[in-house]
Amino acid sequence: MMLIAPKIALDPNNVQATYFARAAGTVRFAYNWARAERKHQYAAWK
């Protein structure tokens, strides 16, 4: 079975590229915070 999907290329302007970079930074911060919090809670439980 072969799956076919459309390929979409993004060509953001400067404002959009800046937004994408900030959004990725926000996600990375939230992920790292949650990971550290989980690690801290696990250490306290252990």
C-alpha atoms as a PDB file:
ATOM      1  CA  MET A   1       0.000   0.000   0.000  1.00  0.00           C
ATOM      2  CA  MET A   2       1.442   3.331  -0.994  1.00  0.00           C
ATOM      3  CA  LEU A   3       0.430   6.488   0.822  1.00  0.00           C
ATOM      4  CA  ILE A   4       0.333   9.679  -1.164  1.00  0.00           C
ATOM      5  CA  ALA A   5       0.547  13.043   0.552  1.00  0.00           C
ATOM      6  CA  PRO A   6       0.931  16.545  -0.793  1.00  0.00           C
ATOM      7  CA  LYS A   7       4.246  18.264  -0.198  1.00  0.00           C
ATOM      8  CA  ILE A   8       3.995  21.826   1.025  1.00  0.00           C
ATOM      9  CA  ALA A   9       6.968  24.165   1.075  1.00  0.00           C
ATOM     10  CA  LEU A  10       6.964  27.165   3.391  1.00  0.00           C
ATOM     11  CA  ASP A  11       8.410  30.413   2.107  1.00  0.00           C
ATOM     12  CA  PRO A  12       7.912  32.775   5.056  1.00  0.00           C
ATOM     13  CA  ASN A  13       8.640  36.468   4.901  1.00  0.00           C
ATOM     14  CA  ASN A  14      10.789  38.102   7.615  1.00  0.00           C
ATOM     15  CA  VAL A  15       7.882  38.685  10.001  1.00  0.00           C
ATOM     16  CA  GLN A  16       6.664  35.105   9.679  1.00  0.00           C
ATOM     17  CA  ALA A  17      10.189  33.665  10.045  1.00  0.00           C
ATOM     18  CA  THR A  18      10.647  35.674  13.242  1.00  0.00           C
ATOM     19  CA  TYR A  19       7.313  34.378  14.550  1.00  0.00           C
ATOM     20  CA  PHE A  20       8.256  30.772  13.758  1.00  0.00           C
ATOM     21  CA  ALA A  21      11.601  31.183  15.543  1.00  0.00           C
ATOM     22  CA  ARG A  22       9.941  32.684  18.633  1.00  0.00           C
ATOM     23  CA  ALA A  23       7.275  29.956  18.683  1.00  0.00           C
ATOM     24  CA  ALA A  24       9.948  27.245  18.479  1.00  0.00           C
ATOM     25  CA  GLY A  25      11.848  28.912  21.336  1.00  0.00           C
ATOM     26  CA  THR A  26       8.699  29.030  23.463  1.00  0.00           C
ATOM     27  CA  VAL A  27       7.985  25.353  22.843  1.00  0.00           C
ATOM     28  CA  ARG A  28      11.579  24.423  23.670  1.00  0.00           C
ATOM     29  CA  PHE A  29      11.395  26.410  26.943  1.00  0.00           C
ATOM     30  CA  ALA A  30       8.103  24.750  27.944  1.00  0.00           C
ATOM     31  CA  TYR A  31       9.419  21.271  27.117  1.00  0.00           C
ATOM     32  CA  ASN A  32      12.640  21.789  29.081  1.00  0.00           C
ATOM     33  CA  TRP A  33      10.728  23.221  32.051  1.00  0.00           C
ATOM     34  CA  ALA A  34       8.294  20.289  32.122  1.00  0.00           C
ATOM     35  CA  ARG A  35      11.131  17.796  31.787  1.00  0.00           C
ATOM     36  CA  ALA A  36      13.040  19.357  34.683  1.00  0.00           C
ATOM     37  CA  GLU A  37       9.884  19.485  36.805  1.00  0.00           C
ATOM     38  CA  ARG A  38       9.144  15.811  36.138  1.00  0.00           C
ATOM     39  CA  LYS A  39      12.728  14.876  36.971  1.00  0.00           C
ATOM     40  CA  HIS A  40      12.513  16.847  40.227  1.00  0.00           C
ATOM     41  CA  GLN A  41       9.221  15.200  41.197  1.00  0.00           C
ATOM     42  CA  TYR A  42      10.567  11.747  40.395  1.00  0.00           C
ATOM     43  CA  ALA A  43      13.671  12.406  42.525  1.00  0.00           C
ATOM     44  CA  ALA A  44      11.484  13.563  45.432  1.00  0.00           C
ATOM     45  CA  TRP A  45       9.284  10.454  45.122  1.00  0.00           C
ATOM     46  CA  LYS A  46      12.218   8.089  44.802  1.00  0.00           C
END
